[in-house]
Amino acid sequence: MPTIASFYGIAIRMYLKDHAPPHFHAIYRDHEAQVAIGTGDILKGELPSTALRLVREWAKLNGEALEANWRRRETGLPLEQIDGLDAE
């Protein structure tokens, strides 16, 4: 499961053989959530409110890159890294 971004202690991952709908996994401490790429809705799991706010903000800024990575994953191509919110 490649980590495609990390920021403020949050790791963003995509499983190579994951299922639809398009989503990513956000991991923060002992919390994990599957987050829909298009909407930012939590599909499964949970995150503390501050971490969820940051994840949704990051996902909104990087929607196109997330969708591109989802398509790359479907075709077996390597996933690309995406800058976190704390990138300079």
PDB file of N, CA and C in Angstrom:
ATOM      1  N   MET A   1       0.848  -1.161   0.000  1.00  0.00           N
ATOM      2  CA  MET A   1       0.000   0.000   0.000  1.00  0.00           C
ATOM      3  C   MET A   1       0.900   1.232   0.000  1.00  0.00           C
ATOM      4  N   PRO A   2       1.068   1.852  -1.158  1.00  0.00           N
ATOM      5  CA  PRO A   2       1.942   3.017  -1.253  1.00  0.00           C
ATOM      6  C   PRO A   2       1.389   4.238  -0.518  1.00  0.00           C
ATOM      7  N   THR A   3       2.272   4.920   0.174  1.00  0.00           N
ATOM      8  CA  THR A   3       1.941   6.212   0.767  1.00  0.00           C
ATOM      9  C   THR A   3       2.178   7.262  -0.307  1.00  0.00           C
ATOM     10  N   ILE A   4       1.145   8.002  -0.668  1.00  0.00           N
ATOM     11  CA  ILE A   4       1.276   8.978  -1.741  1.00  0.00           C
ATOM     12  C   ILE A   4       1.442  10.403  -1.223  1.00  0.00           C
ATOM     13  N   ALA A   5       1.165  10.624   0.070  1.00  0.00           N
ATOM     14  CA  ALA A   5       1.345  11.941   0.672  1.00  0.00           C
ATOM     15  C   ALA A   5       1.401  11.788   2.185  1.00  0.00           C
ATOM     16  N   SER A   6       2.025  12.756   2.821  1.00  0.00           N
ATOM     17  CA  SER A   6       1.972  12.818   4.281  1.00  0.00           C
ATOM     18  C   SER A   6       2.117  14.278   4.701  1.00  0.00           C
ATOM     19  N   PHE A   7       1.379  14.646   5.723  1.00  0.00           N
ATOM     20  CA  PHE A   7       1.409  16.013   6.234  1.00  0.00           C
ATOM     21  C   PHE A   7       0.815  16.022   7.626  1.00  0.00           C
ATOM     22  N   TYR A   8       1.431  16.783   8.508  1.00  0.00           N
ATOM     23  CA  TYR A   8       0.948  16.956   9.872  1.00  0.00           C
ATOM     24  C   TYR A   8       0.635  15.628  10.566  1.00  0.00           C
ATOM     25  N   GLY A   9       1.446  14.628  10.328  1.00  0.00           N
ATOM     26  CA  GLY A   9       1.264  13.323  10.961  1.00  0.00           C
ATOM     27  C   GLY A   9       0.206  12.447  10.310  1.00  0.00           C
ATOM     28  N   ILE A  10      -0.344  12.890   9.198  1.00  0.00           N
ATOM     29  CA  ILE A  10      -1.369  12.132   8.477  1.00  0.00           C
ATOM     30  C   ILE A  10      -0.717  11.472   7.270  1.00  0.00           C
ATOM     31  N   ALA A  11      -0.926  10.177   7.099  1.00  0.00           N
ATOM     32  CA  ALA A  11      -0.434   9.463   5.920  1.00  0.00           C
ATOM     33  C   ALA A  11      -1.611   9.198   4.991  1.00  0.00           C
ATOM     34  N   ILE A  12      -1.405   9.465   3.716  1.00  0.00           N
ATOM     35  CA  ILE A  12      -2.425   9.210   2.696  1.00  0.00           C
ATOM     36  C   ILE A  12      -1.925   8.048   1.847  1.00  0.00           C
ATOM     37  N   ARG A  13      -2.732   7.008   1.751  1.00  0.00           N
ATOM     38  CA  ARG A  13      -2.324   5.804   1.031  1.00  0.00           C
ATOM     39  C   ARG A  13      -3.415   5.374   0.063  1.00  0.00           C
ATOM     40  N   MET A  14      -2.984   4.643  -0.971  1.00  0.00           N
ATOM     41  CA  MET A  14      -3.905   3.986  -1.896  1.00  0.00           C
ATOM     42  C   MET A  14      -3.462   2.545  -2.030  1.00  0.00           C
ATOM     43  N   TYR A  15      -4.410   1.645  -1.865  1.00  0.00           N
ATOM     44  CA  TYR A  15      -4.139   0.231  -2.083  1.00  0.00           C
ATOM     45  C   TYR A  15      -4.176  -0.049  -3.578  1.00  0.00           C
ATOM     46  N   LEU A  16      -3.205  -0.789  -4.072  1.00  0.00           N
ATOM     47  CA  LEU A  16      -3.121  -1.051  -5.503  1.00  0.00           C
ATOM     48  C   LEU A  16      -4.270  -1.904  -6.017  1.00  0.00           C
ATOM     49  N   LYS A  17      -4.799  -2.786  -5.187  1.00  0.00           N
ATOM     50  CA  LYS A  17      -5.887  -3.672  -5.626  1.00  0.00           C
ATOM     51  C   LYS A  17      -7.188  -3.357  -4.896  1.00  0.00           C
ATOM     52  N   ASP A  18      -7.426  -2.075  -4.646  1.00  0.00           N
ATOM     53  CA  ASP A  18      -8.624  -1.675  -3.907  1.00  0.00           C
ATOM     54  C   ASP A  18      -9.839  -1.630  -4.829  1.00  0.00           C
ATOM     55  N   HIS A  19     -10.987  -1.458  -4.258  1.00  0.00           N
ATOM     56  CA  HIS A  19     -12.286  -1.534  -4.931  1.00  0.00           C
ATOM     57  C   HIS A  19     -12.864  -0.136  -5.153  1.00  0.00           C
ATOM     58  N   ALA A  20     -13.846  -0.054  -6.046  1.00  0.00           N
ATOM     59  CA  ALA A  20     -14.581   1.192  -6.248  1.00  0.00           C
ATOM     60  C   ALA A  20     -15.517   1.404  -5.060  1.00  0.00           C
ATOM     61  N   PRO A  21     -15.961   2.592  -4.777  1.00  0.00           N
ATOM     62  CA  PRO A  21     -15.731   3.821  -5.503  1.00  0.00           C
ATOM     63  C   PRO A  21     -14.328   4.358  -5.264  1.00  0.00           C
ATOM     64  N   PRO A  22     -13.849   5.265  -6.148  1.00  0.00           N
ATOM     65  CA  PRO A  22     -12.501   5.825  -5.983  1.00  0.00           C
ATOM     66  C   PRO A  22     -12.337   6.473  -4.611  1.00  0.00           C
ATOM     67  N   HIS A  23     -11.311   6.060  -3.918  1.00  0.00           N
ATOM     68  CA  HIS A  23     -11.074   6.565  -2.570  1.00  0.00           C
ATOM     69  C   HIS A  23      -9.605   6.417  -2.202  1.00  0.00           C
ATOM     70  N   PHE A  24      -9.250   7.001  -1.073  1.00  0.00           N
ATOM     71  CA  PHE A  24      -7.914   6.840  -0.504  1.00  0.00           C
ATOM     72  C   PHE A  24      -8.079   6.568   0.986  1.00  0.00           C
ATOM     73  N   HIS A  25      -7.007   6.136   1.595  1.00  0.00           N
ATOM     74  CA  HIS A  25      -6.999   5.852   3.024  1.00  0.00           C
ATOM     75  C   HIS A  25      -6.202   6.955   3.720  1.00  0.00           C
ATOM     76  N   ALA A  26      -6.778   7.528   4.749  1.00  0.00           N
ATOM     77  CA  ALA A  26      -6.096   8.527   5.566  1.00  0.00           C
ATOM     78  C   ALA A  26      -5.853   7.909   6.935  1.00  0.00           C
ATOM     79  N   ILE A  27      -4.591   7.909   7.360  1.00  0.00           N
ATOM     80  CA  ILE A  27      -4.214   7.295   8.633  1.00  0.00           C
ATOM     81  C   ILE A  27      -3.618   8.382   9.527  1.00  0.00           C
ATOM     82  N   TYR A  28      -4.154   8.496  10.719  1.00  0.00           N
ATOM     83  CA  TYR A  28      -3.654   9.451  11.702  1.00  0.00           C
ATOM     84  C   TYR A  28      -3.655   8.778  13.063  1.00  0.00           C
ATOM     85  N   ARG A  29      -2.456   8.596  13.611  1.00  0.00           N
ATOM     86  CA  ARG A  29      -2.291   7.856  14.871  1.00  0.00           C
ATOM     87  C   ARG A  29      -2.982   6.504  14.789  1.00  0.00           C
ATOM     88  N   ASP A  30      -3.931   6.184  15.685  1.00  0.00           N
ATOM     89  CA  ASP A  30      -4.601   4.870  15.591  1.00  0.00           C
ATOM     90  C   ASP A  30      -5.953   4.963  14.896  1.00  0.00           C
ATOM     91  N   HIS A  31      -6.142   5.990  14.102  1.00  0.00           N
ATOM     92  CA  HIS A  31      -7.382   6.166  13.347  1.00  0.00           C
ATOM     93  C   HIS A  31      -7.118   5.977  11.860  1.00  0.00           C
ATOM     94  N   GLU A  32      -8.089   5.393  11.180  1.00  0.00           N
ATOM     95  CA  GLU A  32      -7.999   5.248   9.734  1.00  0.00           C
ATOM     96  C   GLU A  32      -9.381   5.424   9.131  1.00  0.00           C
ATOM     97  N   ALA A  33      -9.415   6.108   7.990  1.00  0.00           N
ATOM     98  CA  ALA A  33     -10.673   6.300   7.279  1.00  0.00           C
ATOM     99  C   ALA A  33     -10.448   6.135   5.790  1.00  0.00           C
ATOM    100  N   GLN A  34     -11.440   5.574   5.137  1.00  0.00           N
ATOM    101  CA  GLN A  34     -11.476   5.557   3.677  1.00  0.00           C
ATOM    102  C   GLN A  34     -12.275   6.792   3.268  1.00  0.00           C
ATOM    103  N   VAL A  35     -11.680   7.613   2.402  1.00  0.00           N
ATOM    104  CA  VAL A  35     -12.278   8.893   2.033  1.00  0.00           C
ATOM    105  C   VAL A  35     -12.537   8.904   0.527  1.00  0.00           C
ATOM    106  N   ALA A  36     -13.758   9.221   0.135  1.00  0.00           N
ATOM    107  CA  ALA A  36     -14.129   9.280  -1.274  1.00  0.00           C
ATOM    108  C   ALA A  36     -13.396  10.433  -1.954  1.00  0.00           C
ATOM    109  N   ILE A  37     -12.821  10.156  -3.123  1.00  0.00           N
ATOM    110  CA  ILE A  37     -12.062  11.180  -3.828  1.00  0.00           C
ATOM    111  C   ILE A  37     -12.959  12.331  -4.276  1.00  0.00           C
ATOM    112  N   GLY A  38     -14.095  12.041  -4.839  1.00  0.00           N
ATOM    113  CA  GLY A  38     -14.941  13.086  -5.400  1.00  0.00           C
ATOM    114  C   GLY A  38     -15.623  13.986  -4.391  1.00  0.00           C
ATOM    115  N   THR A  39     -15.952  13.451  -3.232  1.00  0.00           N
ATOM    116  CA  THR A  39     -16.779  14.197  -2.278  1.00  0.00           C
ATOM    117  C   THR A  39     -16.100  14.503  -0.945  1.00  0.00           C
ATOM    118  N   GLY A  40     -15.077  13.742  -0.588  1.00  0.00           N
ATOM    119  CA  GLY A  40     -14.463  13.900   0.732  1.00  0.00           C
ATOM    120  C   GLY A  40     -15.245  13.203   1.831  1.00  0.00           C
ATOM    121  N   ASP A  41     -16.300  12.488   1.457  1.00  0.00           N
ATOM    122  CA  ASP A  41     -17.093  11.760   2.452  1.00  0.00           C
ATOM    123  C   ASP A  41     -16.306  10.572   2.993  1.00  0.00           C
ATOM    124  N   ILE A  42     -16.507  10.272   4.270  1.00  0.00           N
ATOM    125  CA  ILE A  42     -15.906   9.074   4.851  1.00  0.00           C
ATOM    126  C   ILE A  42     -16.764   7.879   4.454  1.00  0.00           C
ATOM    127  N   LEU A  43     -16.126   6.914   3.819  1.00  0.00           N
ATOM    128  CA  LEU A  43     -16.816   5.694   3.418  1.00  0.00           C
ATOM    129  C   LEU A  43     -16.780   4.646   4.514  1.00  0.00           C
ATOM    130  N   LYS A  44     -15.690   4.655   5.286  1.00  0.00           N
ATOM    131  CA  LYS A  44     -15.512   3.671   6.347  1.00  0.00           C
ATOM    132  C   LYS A  44     -14.460   4.209   7.300  1.00  0.00           C
ATOM    133  N   GLY A  45     -14.632   3.917   8.582  1.00  0.00           N
ATOM    134  CA  GLY A  45     -13.653   4.339   9.577  1.00  0.00           C
ATOM    135  C   GLY A  45     -13.953   5.719  10.122  1.00  0.00           C
ATOM    136  N   GLU A  46     -12.937   6.307  10.761  1.00  0.00           N
ATOM    137  CA  GLU A  46     -13.112   7.626  11.358  1.00  0.00           C
ATOM    138  C   GLU A  46     -11.762   8.295  11.562  1.00  0.00           C
ATOM    139  N   LEU A  47     -11.809   9.612  11.655  1.00  0.00           N
ATOM    140  CA  LEU A  47     -10.650  10.440  11.968  1.00  0.00           C
ATOM    141  C   LEU A  47     -11.085  11.503  12.967  1.00  0.00           C
ATOM    142  N   PRO A  48     -10.164  11.961  13.813  1.00  0.00           N
ATOM    143  CA  PRO A  48     -10.503  13.099  14.671  1.00  0.00           C
ATOM    144  C   PRO A  48     -10.886  14.300  13.794  1.00  0.00           C
ATOM    145  N   SER A  49     -11.696  15.196  14.318  1.00  0.00           N
ATOM    146  CA  SER A  49     -12.260  16.286  13.510  1.00  0.00           C
ATOM    147  C   SER A  49     -11.193  17.165  12.856  1.00  0.00           C
ATOM    148  N   THR A  50     -10.132  17.498  13.561  1.00  0.00           N
ATOM    149  CA  THR A  50      -9.087  18.339  12.967  1.00  0.00           C
ATOM    150  C   THR A  50      -8.382  17.617  11.836  1.00  0.00           C
ATOM    151  N   ALA A  51      -8.050  16.344  12.033  1.00  0.00           N
ATOM    152  CA  ALA A  51      -7.407  15.566  10.975  1.00  0.00           C
ATOM    153  C   ALA A  51      -8.330  15.441   9.771  1.00  0.00           C
ATOM    154  N   LEU A  52      -9.617  15.223   9.992  1.00  0.00           N
ATOM    155  CA  LEU A  52     -10.565  15.108   8.891  1.00  0.00           C
ATOM    156  C   LEU A  52     -10.661  16.421   8.120  1.00  0.00           C
ATOM    157  N   ARG A  53     -10.683  17.538   8.821  1.00  0.00           N
ATOM    158  CA  ARG A  53     -10.727  18.840   8.153  1.00  0.00           C
ATOM    159  C   ARG A  53      -9.504  19.028   7.257  1.00  0.00           C
ATOM    160  N   LEU A  54      -8.313  18.681   7.767  1.00  0.00           N
ATOM    161  CA  LEU A  54      -7.088  18.802   6.981  1.00  0.00           C
ATOM    162  C   LEU A  54      -7.100  17.868   5.770  1.00  0.00           C
ATOM    163  N   VAL A  55      -7.566  16.649   5.965  1.00  0.00           N
ATOM    164  CA  VAL A  55      -7.637  15.680   4.865  1.00  0.00           C
ATOM    165  C   VAL A  55      -8.585  16.176   3.783  1.00  0.00           C
ATOM    166  N   ARG A  56      -9.726  16.682   4.170  1.00  0.00           N
ATOM    167  CA  ARG A  56     -10.685  17.185   3.175  1.00  0.00           C
ATOM    168  C   ARG A  56     -10.132  18.402   2.431  1.00  0.00           C
ATOM    169  N   GLU A  57      -9.460  19.291   3.156  1.00  0.00           N
ATOM    170  CA  GLU A  57      -8.847  20.456   2.504  1.00  0.00           C
ATOM    171  C   GLU A  57      -7.802  19.997   1.486  1.00  0.00           C
ATOM    172  N   TRP A  58      -6.936  19.055   1.892  1.00  0.00           N
ATOM    173  CA  TRP A  58      -5.906  18.522   1.001  1.00  0.00           C
ATOM    174  C   TRP A  58      -6.539  17.842  -0.213  1.00  0.00           C
ATOM    175  N   ALA A  59      -7.577  17.046   0.003  1.00  0.00           N
ATOM    176  CA  ALA A  59      -8.221  16.322  -1.088  1.00  0.00           C
ATOM    177  C   ALA A  59      -8.871  17.290  -2.079  1.00  0.00           C
ATOM    178  N   LYS A  60      -9.457  18.362  -1.584  1.00  0.00           N
ATOM    179  CA  LYS A  60     -10.078  19.350  -2.466  1.00  0.00           C
ATOM    180  C   LYS A  60      -9.020  20.013  -3.339  1.00  0.00           C
ATOM    181  N   LEU A  61      -7.868  20.330  -2.758  1.00  0.00           N
ATOM    182  CA  LEU A  61      -6.780  20.958  -3.514  1.00  0.00           C
ATOM    183  C   LEU A  61      -6.146  20.005  -4.523  1.00  0.00           C
ATOM    184  N   ASN A  62      -6.233  18.705  -4.268  1.00  0.00           N
ATOM    185  CA  ASN A  62      -5.513  17.718  -5.075  1.00  0.00           C
ATOM    186  C   ASN A  62      -6.426  16.704  -5.754  1.00  0.00           C
ATOM    187  N   GLY A  63      -7.673  17.078  -5.985  1.00  0.00           N
ATOM    188  CA  GLY A  63      -8.641  16.160  -6.571  1.00  0.00           C
ATOM    189  C   GLY A  63      -8.182  15.570  -7.899  1.00  0.00           C
ATOM    190  N   GLU A  64      -7.653  16.403  -8.782  1.00  0.00           N
ATOM    191  CA  GLU A  64      -7.222  15.906 -10.091  1.00  0.00           C
ATOM    192  C   GLU A  64      -6.081  14.909  -9.963  1.00  0.00           C
ATOM    193  N   ALA A  65      -5.121  15.195  -9.086  1.00  0.00           N
ATOM    194  CA  ALA A  65      -3.992  14.285  -8.882  1.00  0.00           C
ATOM    195  C   ALA A  65      -4.457  12.979  -8.252  1.00  0.00           C
ATOM    196  N   LEU A  66      -5.428  13.041  -7.352  1.00  0.00           N
ATOM    197  CA  LEU A  66      -5.975  11.827  -6.743  1.00  0.00           C
ATOM    198  C   LEU A  66      -6.693  10.978  -7.784  1.00  0.00           C
ATOM    199  N   GLU A  67      -7.499  11.630  -8.622  1.00  0.00           N
ATOM    200  CA  GLU A  67      -8.196  10.890  -9.675  1.00  0.00           C
ATOM    201  C   GLU A  67      -7.202  10.256 -10.650  1.00  0.00           C
ATOM    202  N   ALA A  68      -6.135  10.995 -10.982  1.00  0.00           N
ATOM    203  CA  ALA A  68      -5.104  10.449 -11.876  1.00  0.00           C
ATOM    204  C   ALA A  68      -4.432   9.240 -11.239  1.00  0.00           C
ATOM    205  N   ASN A  69      -4.147   9.302  -9.943  1.00  0.00           N
ATOM    206  CA  ASN A  69      -3.534   8.164  -9.258  1.00  0.00           C
ATOM    207  C   ASN A  69      -4.492   6.975  -9.230  1.00  0.00           C
ATOM    208  N   TRP A  70      -5.785   7.233  -9.049  1.00  0.00           N
ATOM    209  CA  TRP A  70      -6.754   6.132  -9.056  1.00  0.00           C
ATOM    210  C   TRP A  70      -6.733   5.426 -10.418  1.00  0.00           C
ATOM    211  N   ARG A  71      -6.686   6.222 -11.501  1.00  0.00           N
ATOM    212  CA  ARG A  71      -6.626   5.635 -12.844  1.00  0.00           C
ATOM    213  C   ARG A  71      -5.304   4.887 -13.052  1.00  0.00           C
ATOM    214  N   ARG A  72      -4.202   5.449 -12.561  1.00  0.00           N
ATOM    215  CA  ARG A  72      -2.900   4.779 -12.679  1.00  0.00           C
ATOM    216  C   ARG A  72      -2.950   3.426 -11.957  1.00  0.00           C
ATOM    217  N   ARG A  73      -3.549   3.410 -10.785  1.00  0.00           N
ATOM    218  CA  ARG A  73      -3.658   2.185  -9.992  1.00  0.00           C
ATOM    219  C   ARG A  73      -4.443   1.133 -10.759  1.00  0.00           C
ATOM    220  N   GLU A  74      -5.537   1.558 -11.413  1.00  0.00           N
ATOM    221  CA  GLU A  74      -6.374   0.618 -12.166  1.00  0.00           C
ATOM    222  C   GLU A  74      -5.625  -0.027 -13.333  1.00  0.00           C
ATOM    223  N   THR A  75      -4.687   0.710 -13.903  1.00  0.00           N
ATOM    224  CA  THR A  75      -3.954   0.191 -15.063  1.00  0.00           C
ATOM    225  C   THR A  75      -2.606  -0.406 -14.689  1.00  0.00           C
ATOM    226  N   GLY A  76      -2.310  -0.464 -13.395  1.00  0.00           N
ATOM    227  CA  GLY A  76      -1.073  -1.087 -12.936  1.00  0.00           C
ATOM    228  C   GLY A  76       0.148  -0.194 -12.994  1.00  0.00           C
ATOM    229  N   LEU A  77      -0.043   1.099 -13.239  1.00  0.00           N
ATOM    230  CA  LEU A  77       1.092   2.027 -13.262  1.00  0.00           C
ATOM    231  C   LEU A  77       1.440   2.459 -11.843  1.00  0.00           C
ATOM    232  N   PRO A  78       2.691   2.824 -11.607  1.00  0.00           N
ATOM    233  CA  PRO A  78       3.075   3.292 -10.272  1.00  0.00           C
ATOM    234  C   PRO A  78       2.345   4.584  -9.914  1.00  0.00           C
ATOM    235  N   LEU A  79       2.054   4.736  -8.650  1.00  0.00           N
ATOM    236  CA  LEU A  79       1.375   5.936  -8.171  1.00  0.00           C
ATOM    237  C   LEU A  79       2.375   7.069  -8.005  1.00  0.00           C
ATOM    238  N   GLU A  80       1.909   8.279  -8.215  1.00  0.00           N
ATOM    239  CA  GLU A  80       2.756   9.452  -8.068  1.00  0.00           C
ATOM    240  C   GLU A  80       2.551  10.082  -6.699  1.00  0.00           C
ATOM    241  N   GLN A  81       3.620  10.663  -6.174  1.00  0.00           N
ATOM    242  CA  GLN A  81       3.551  11.386  -4.904  1.00  0.00           C
ATOM    243  C   GLN A  81       2.800  12.697  -5.100  1.00  0.00           C
ATOM    244  N   ILE A  82       2.082  13.098  -4.061  1.00  0.00           N
ATOM    245  CA  ILE A  82       1.338  14.361  -4.063  1.00  0.00           C
ATOM    246  C   ILE A  82       1.801  15.150  -2.849  1.00  0.00           C
ATOM    247  N   ASP A  83       2.099  16.422  -3.064  1.00  0.00           N
ATOM    248  CA  ASP A  83       2.551  17.266  -1.950  1.00  0.00           C
ATOM    249  C   ASP A  83       1.486  17.352  -0.868  1.00  0.00           C
ATOM    250  N   GLY A  84       1.948  17.410   0.382  1.00  0.00           N
ATOM    251  CA  GLY A  84       1.056  17.594   1.511  1.00  0.00           C
ATOM    252  C   GLY A  84       0.764  19.059   1.738  1.00  0.00           C
ATOM    253  N   LEU A  85      -0.098  19.354   2.688  1.00  0.00           N
ATOM    254  CA  LEU A  85      -0.436  20.728   3.013  1.00  0.00           C
ATOM    255  C   LEU A  85       0.749  21.502   3.576  1.00  0.00           C
ATOM    256  N   ASP A  86       1.713  20.779   4.133  1.00  0.00           N
ATOM    257  CA  ASP A  86       2.855  21.443   4.752  1.00  0.00           C
ATOM    258  C   ASP A  86       4.048  21.567   3.815  1.00  0.00           C
ATOM    259  N   ALA A  87       3.866  21.280   2.519  1.00  0.00           N
ATOM    260  CA  ALA A  87       4.954  21.387   1.550  1.00  0.00           C
ATOM    261  C   ALA A  87       5.256  22.867   1.289  1.00  0.00           C
ATOM    262  N   GLU A  88       6.504  23.139   1.051  1.00  0.00           N
ATOM    263  CA  GLU A  88       6.899  24.536   0.763  1.00  0.00           C
ATOM    264  C   GLU A  88       6.903  24.800  -0.704  1.00  0.00           C
TER     265      GLU A  88
END
